[in-house]
Amino acid sequence: MGNDWYTTDLKQRPVQRSRRFVRIEQMVVLMMLLCVMAAMFVPLWQRGVNRSLEIEYQTLLNNRQALEEQRQVLLAGISKLSMPEQLVEGAWKEDIAFQPIRAEAVIMLSRRVHE
């Protein structure tokens, strides 16, 4: 005899799953997909952040170098203008007369430092 209704094996009979179990299975599959997507997205995001930080760092280095060059140019201009030749030329243009200061006219002041 074949498979009669009274001789069917319980293991071959389809098991009805509850709705709660099906929902839990769906949630587990969804969470696994989200974890896989996050695992793929995080390294790309880190690479993007790293690249933007590198670009910002290079920009800051270039700005610092430009400011240092500007500082050197300004210091050179100040030292050039403070040379005696430039002072005499500027005084001549502004009609300023230099007068020598005699050592006897200088008053020495001292300041006492309290310890």
N, C-alpha and C. Protein backbone atom coordinates (compact mmCIF):
# COMPACT_ATOMS: atom_id res chain seq x y z
N MET A 1 0.82 -1.18 0.00
CA MET A 1 0.00 0.00 0.00
C MET A 1 0.86 1.24 0.00
N GLY A 2 0.37 2.25 -0.62
CA GLY A 2 1.08 3.51 -0.72
C GLY A 2 0.87 4.36 0.52
N ASN A 3 0.80 5.59 0.30
CA ASN A 3 0.60 6.51 1.41
C ASN A 3 -0.89 6.71 1.63
N ASP A 4 -1.40 6.09 2.62
CA ASP A 4 -2.79 6.29 2.99
C ASP A 4 -2.86 7.41 4.02
N TRP A 5 -4.02 7.92 4.19
CA TRP A 5 -4.17 9.03 5.12
C TRP A 5 -3.85 8.61 6.54
N TYR A 6 -4.01 7.39 6.87
CA TYR A 6 -3.74 6.95 8.24
C TYR A 6 -2.33 6.44 8.44
N THR A 7 -1.58 6.28 7.34
CA THR A 7 -0.22 5.78 7.49
C THR A 7 0.84 6.83 7.17
N THR A 8 0.44 8.04 6.92
CA THR A 8 1.43 9.07 6.57
C THR A 8 2.34 9.34 7.76
N ASP A 9 3.57 9.56 7.44
CA ASP A 9 4.56 9.84 8.47
C ASP A 9 4.41 11.30 8.92
N LEU A 10 4.56 11.55 10.18
CA LEU A 10 4.41 12.91 10.69
C LEU A 10 5.51 13.83 10.19
N LYS A 11 6.68 13.25 9.89
CA LYS A 11 7.80 14.08 9.44
C LYS A 11 7.55 14.62 8.02
N GLN A 12 6.77 13.91 7.22
CA GLN A 12 6.53 14.34 5.85
C GLN A 12 5.36 15.30 5.75
N ARG A 13 4.65 15.46 6.78
CA ARG A 13 3.49 16.34 6.76
C ARG A 13 3.98 17.79 6.86
N PRO A 14 3.46 18.72 6.04
CA PRO A 14 3.91 20.12 6.13
C PRO A 14 3.56 20.72 7.49
N VAL A 15 4.56 21.41 8.05
CA VAL A 15 4.38 22.04 9.35
C VAL A 15 3.94 23.48 9.13
N GLN A 16 2.92 23.84 9.79
CA GLN A 16 2.46 25.24 9.67
C GLN A 16 3.25 26.08 10.66
N ARG A 17 3.86 27.11 10.11
CA ARG A 17 4.64 28.00 10.97
C ARG A 17 3.75 29.15 11.41
N SER A 18 3.99 29.59 12.59
CA SER A 18 3.18 30.70 13.09
C SER A 18 3.62 32.01 12.44
N ARG A 19 2.73 32.96 12.44
CA ARG A 19 3.04 34.27 11.84
C ARG A 19 4.18 34.96 12.58
N ARG A 20 4.23 34.75 13.86
CA ARG A 20 5.29 35.37 14.66
C ARG A 20 6.66 34.83 14.24
N PHE A 21 6.75 33.54 14.02
CA PHE A 21 8.01 32.94 13.59
C PHE A 21 8.42 33.46 12.21
N VAL A 22 7.44 33.60 11.30
CA VAL A 22 7.73 34.13 9.96
C VAL A 22 8.22 35.57 10.05
N ARG A 23 7.61 36.38 10.90
CA ARG A 23 8.03 37.78 11.09
C ARG A 23 9.46 37.85 11.66
N ILE A 24 9.74 36.98 12.60
CA ILE A 24 11.09 36.96 13.18
C ILE A 24 12.11 36.57 12.12
N GLU A 25 11.79 35.61 11.28
CA GLU A 25 12.70 35.22 10.19
C GLU A 25 12.94 36.38 9.24
N GLN A 26 11.87 37.08 8.89
CA GLN A 26 12.00 38.22 7.99
C GLN A 26 12.86 39.32 8.61
N MET A 27 12.68 39.57 9.88
CA MET A 27 13.47 40.59 10.57
C MET A 27 14.95 40.20 10.62
N VAL A 28 15.22 38.92 10.85
CA VAL A 28 16.61 38.45 10.90
C VAL A 28 17.26 38.62 9.53
N VAL A 29 16.55 38.28 8.47
CA VAL A 29 17.10 38.43 7.12
C VAL A 29 17.33 39.92 6.82
N LEU A 30 16.39 40.76 7.20
CA LEU A 30 16.54 42.19 6.98
C LEU A 30 17.73 42.75 7.76
N MET A 31 17.91 42.32 9.00
CA MET A 31 19.05 42.78 9.79
C MET A 31 20.38 42.31 9.20
N MET A 32 20.40 41.10 8.68
CA MET A 32 21.62 40.59 8.04
C MET A 32 21.96 41.42 6.80
N LEU A 33 20.96 41.77 6.01
CA LEU A 33 21.20 42.61 4.83
C LEU A 33 21.71 43.99 5.22
N LEU A 34 21.13 44.55 6.29
CA LEU A 34 21.59 45.86 6.76
C LEU A 34 23.03 45.78 7.26
N CYS A 35 23.38 44.71 7.94
CA CYS A 35 24.76 44.54 8.41
C CYS A 35 25.74 44.42 7.24
N VAL A 36 25.34 43.70 6.20
CA VAL A 36 26.21 43.58 5.03
C VAL A 36 26.37 44.93 4.35
N MET A 37 25.29 45.68 4.23
CA MET A 37 25.38 47.02 3.62
C MET A 37 26.27 47.95 4.45
N ALA A 38 26.13 47.88 5.77
CA ALA A 38 26.97 48.71 6.64
C ALA A 38 28.43 48.31 6.53
N ALA A 39 28.68 47.01 6.43
CA ALA A 39 30.07 46.55 6.31
C ALA A 39 30.68 47.01 5.00
N MET A 40 29.88 47.20 3.98
CA MET A 40 30.40 47.70 2.70
C MET A 40 30.52 49.22 2.71
N PHE A 41 29.63 49.91 3.43
CA PHE A 41 29.59 51.36 3.41
C PHE A 41 30.65 51.99 4.30
N VAL A 42 30.91 51.42 5.47
CA VAL A 42 31.82 52.03 6.45
C VAL A 42 33.23 52.24 5.88
N PRO A 43 33.86 51.26 5.22
CA PRO A 43 35.19 51.54 4.67
C PRO A 43 35.20 52.64 3.60
N LEU A 44 34.15 52.70 2.78
CA LEU A 44 34.08 53.77 1.79
C LEU A 44 33.94 55.12 2.46
N TRP A 45 33.13 55.18 3.51
CA TRP A 45 32.95 56.43 4.23
C TRP A 45 34.26 56.86 4.89
N GLN A 46 34.98 55.91 5.49
CA GLN A 46 36.26 56.23 6.13
C GLN A 46 37.27 56.73 5.10
N ARG A 47 37.29 56.12 3.93
CA ARG A 47 38.21 56.56 2.88
C ARG A 47 37.89 58.00 2.45
N GLY A 48 36.60 58.31 2.33
CA GLY A 48 36.20 59.67 1.95
C GLY A 48 36.60 60.69 3.00
N VAL A 49 36.37 60.36 4.26
CA VAL A 49 36.75 61.28 5.35
C VAL A 49 38.26 61.46 5.37
N ASN A 50 39.00 60.38 5.21
CA ASN A 50 40.46 60.44 5.22
C ASN A 50 40.96 61.33 4.07
N ARG A 51 40.36 61.17 2.89
CA ARG A 51 40.78 61.97 1.73
C ARG A 51 40.49 63.45 1.96
N SER A 52 39.33 63.76 2.51
CA SER A 52 39.01 65.17 2.76
C SER A 52 39.95 65.77 3.81
N LEU A 53 40.33 64.98 4.81
CA LEU A 53 41.28 65.48 5.81
C LEU A 53 42.66 65.70 5.20
N GLU A 54 43.08 64.81 4.30
CA GLU A 54 44.37 64.99 3.63
C GLU A 54 44.37 66.25 2.78
N ILE A 55 43.29 66.50 2.07
CA ILE A 55 43.20 67.70 1.24
C ILE A 55 43.23 68.95 2.11
N GLU A 56 42.50 68.92 3.22
CA GLU A 56 42.50 70.07 4.13
C GLU A 56 43.89 70.30 4.73
N TYR A 57 44.59 69.22 5.07
CA TYR A 57 45.93 69.33 5.62
C TYR A 57 46.89 69.94 4.59
N GLN A 58 46.82 69.49 3.34
CA GLN A 58 47.67 70.04 2.30
C GLN A 58 47.37 71.52 2.08
N THR A 59 46.09 71.90 2.12
CA THR A 59 45.71 73.30 1.97
C THR A 59 46.30 74.14 3.10
N LEU A 60 46.21 73.62 4.32
CA LEU A 60 46.78 74.34 5.47
C LEU A 60 48.30 74.48 5.35
N LEU A 61 48.97 73.43 4.88
CA LEU A 61 50.42 73.52 4.69
C LEU A 61 50.77 74.57 3.63
N ASN A 62 50.01 74.59 2.53
CA ASN A 62 50.27 75.58 1.48
C ASN A 62 50.02 76.99 1.99
N ASN A 63 48.95 77.18 2.77
CA ASN A 63 48.67 78.50 3.34
C ASN A 63 49.77 78.91 4.31
N ARG A 64 50.24 77.97 5.10
CA ARG A 64 51.31 78.28 6.05
C ARG A 64 52.59 78.68 5.32
N GLN A 65 52.88 77.98 4.24
CA GLN A 65 54.08 78.31 3.47
C GLN A 65 53.94 79.70 2.83
N ALA A 66 52.76 80.00 2.31
CA ALA A 66 52.54 81.32 1.71
C ALA A 66 52.66 82.42 2.76
N LEU A 67 52.12 82.18 3.96
CA LEU A 67 52.23 83.17 5.03
C LEU A 67 53.68 83.35 5.48
N GLU A 68 54.43 82.27 5.53
CA GLU A 68 55.84 82.37 5.90
C GLU A 68 56.62 83.18 4.86
N GLU A 69 56.33 82.95 3.59
CA GLU A 69 56.99 83.73 2.54
C GLU A 69 56.61 85.20 2.65
N GLN A 70 55.34 85.47 2.93
CA GLN A 70 54.89 86.85 3.10
C GLN A 70 55.59 87.49 4.29
N ARG A 71 55.75 86.76 5.37
CA ARG A 71 56.43 87.26 6.55
C ARG A 71 57.89 87.60 6.23
N GLN A 72 58.55 86.72 5.47
CA GLN A 72 59.94 86.98 5.10
C GLN A 72 60.05 88.24 4.24
N VAL A 73 59.12 88.43 3.32
CA VAL A 73 59.13 89.63 2.47
C VAL A 73 58.92 90.88 3.32
N LEU A 74 57.99 90.81 4.27
CA LEU A 74 57.74 91.97 5.14
C LEU A 74 58.95 92.27 6.03
N LEU A 75 59.58 91.23 6.57
CA LEU A 75 60.78 91.46 7.38
C LEU A 75 61.91 92.06 6.55
N ALA A 76 62.04 91.61 5.31
CA ALA A 76 63.06 92.19 4.44
C ALA A 76 62.76 93.65 4.15
N GLY A 77 61.49 93.97 3.93
CA GLY A 77 61.11 95.37 3.69
C GLY A 77 61.36 96.24 4.91
N ILE A 78 61.05 95.71 6.11
CA ILE A 78 61.28 96.47 7.34
C ILE A 78 62.77 96.70 7.55
N SER A 79 63.57 95.65 7.34
CA SER A 79 65.01 95.82 7.55
C SER A 79 65.60 96.78 6.51
N LYS A 80 65.07 96.76 5.30
CA LYS A 80 65.57 97.68 4.28
C LYS A 80 65.22 99.12 4.64
N LEU A 81 64.00 99.33 5.14
CA LEU A 81 63.58 100.69 5.51
C LEU A 81 64.27 101.18 6.78
N SER A 82 64.77 100.29 7.60
CA SER A 82 65.43 100.73 8.83
C SER A 82 66.92 100.95 8.63
N MET A 83 67.40 100.77 7.42
CA MET A 83 68.81 101.04 7.15
C MET A 83 69.06 102.55 7.17
N PRO A 84 70.24 102.98 7.59
CA PRO A 84 70.52 104.42 7.69
C PRO A 84 70.33 105.16 6.37
N GLU A 85 70.67 104.53 5.25
CA GLU A 85 70.50 105.22 3.97
C GLU A 85 69.03 105.55 3.71
N GLN A 86 68.18 104.62 4.05
CA GLN A 86 66.75 104.84 3.85
C GLN A 86 66.22 105.90 4.82
N LEU A 87 66.74 105.90 6.04
CA LEU A 87 66.31 106.92 6.99
C LEU A 87 66.71 108.31 6.52
N VAL A 88 67.92 108.44 6.03
CA VAL A 88 68.38 109.74 5.54
C VAL A 88 67.55 110.17 4.33
N GLU A 89 67.29 109.21 3.43
CA GLU A 89 66.49 109.55 2.25
C GLU A 89 65.07 109.96 2.64
N GLY A 90 64.48 109.23 3.59
CA GLY A 90 63.13 109.57 4.05
C GLY A 90 63.13 110.90 4.78
N ALA A 91 64.16 111.16 5.58
CA ALA A 91 64.24 112.43 6.29
C ALA A 91 64.40 113.59 5.31
N TRP A 92 65.17 113.39 4.27
CA TRP A 92 65.35 114.44 3.27
C TRP A 92 64.03 114.74 2.56
N LYS A 93 63.26 113.67 2.25
CA LYS A 93 61.97 113.88 1.58
C LYS A 93 60.96 114.57 2.50
N GLU A 94 61.02 114.28 3.78
CA GLU A 94 60.07 114.84 4.73
C GLU A 94 60.60 116.13 5.37
N ASP A 95 61.79 116.54 4.98
CA ASP A 95 62.43 117.75 5.50
C ASP A 95 62.63 117.65 7.02
N ILE A 96 63.23 116.54 7.43
CA ILE A 96 63.54 116.31 8.83
C ILE A 96 65.05 116.43 8.98
N ALA A 97 65.45 117.14 10.02
CA ALA A 97 66.88 117.31 10.27
C ALA A 97 67.28 116.45 11.47
N PHE A 98 68.34 115.70 11.30
CA PHE A 98 68.87 114.89 12.39
C PHE A 98 69.87 115.72 13.18
N GLN A 99 69.81 115.59 14.49
CA GLN A 99 70.76 116.29 15.35
C GLN A 99 71.45 115.25 16.22
N PRO A 100 72.74 115.37 16.38
CA PRO A 100 73.44 114.41 17.23
C PRO A 100 73.09 114.63 18.70
N ILE A 101 73.06 113.57 19.44
CA ILE A 101 72.78 113.64 20.87
C ILE A 101 74.11 113.47 21.59
N ARG A 102 74.42 114.42 22.41
CA ARG A 102 75.68 114.36 23.15
C ARG A 102 75.51 113.41 24.35
N ALA A 103 76.56 112.74 24.68
CA ALA A 103 76.52 111.77 25.77
C ALA A 103 76.25 112.45 27.11
N GLU A 104 76.67 113.71 27.25
CA GLU A 104 76.45 114.41 28.52
C GLU A 104 74.97 114.73 28.72
N ALA A 105 74.22 114.83 27.62
CA ALA A 105 72.81 115.19 27.73
C ALA A 105 71.93 113.98 28.06
N VAL A 106 72.48 112.79 27.97
CA VAL A 106 71.69 111.60 28.24
C VAL A 106 71.63 111.38 29.74
N ILE A 107 70.45 111.18 30.27
CA ILE A 107 70.26 110.92 31.69
C ILE A 107 70.00 109.42 31.85
N MET A 108 70.81 108.81 32.66
CA MET A 108 70.67 107.37 32.88
C MET A 108 69.65 107.15 33.99
N LEU A 109 68.72 106.30 33.72
CA LEU A 109 67.71 105.94 34.71
C LEU A 109 67.85 104.46 35.01
N SER A 110 67.66 104.14 36.24
CA SER A 110 67.69 102.72 36.60
C SER A 110 66.41 102.40 37.36
N ARG A 111 66.09 101.17 37.33
CA ARG A 111 64.86 100.75 37.99
C ARG A 111 65.22 99.63 38.96
N ARG A 112 64.80 99.81 40.16
CA ARG A 112 65.12 98.81 41.17
C ARG A 112 64.04 97.72 41.11
N VAL A 113 64.51 96.51 41.06
CA VAL A 113 63.61 95.36 41.00
C VAL A 113 63.51 94.78 42.40
N HIS A 114 62.29 94.68 42.88
CA HIS A 114 62.08 94.11 44.21
C HIS A 114 61.98 92.60 44.09
N GLU A 115 62.69 91.93 44.94
CA GLU A 115 62.67 90.47 44.91
C GLU A 115 61.74 89.94 45.95
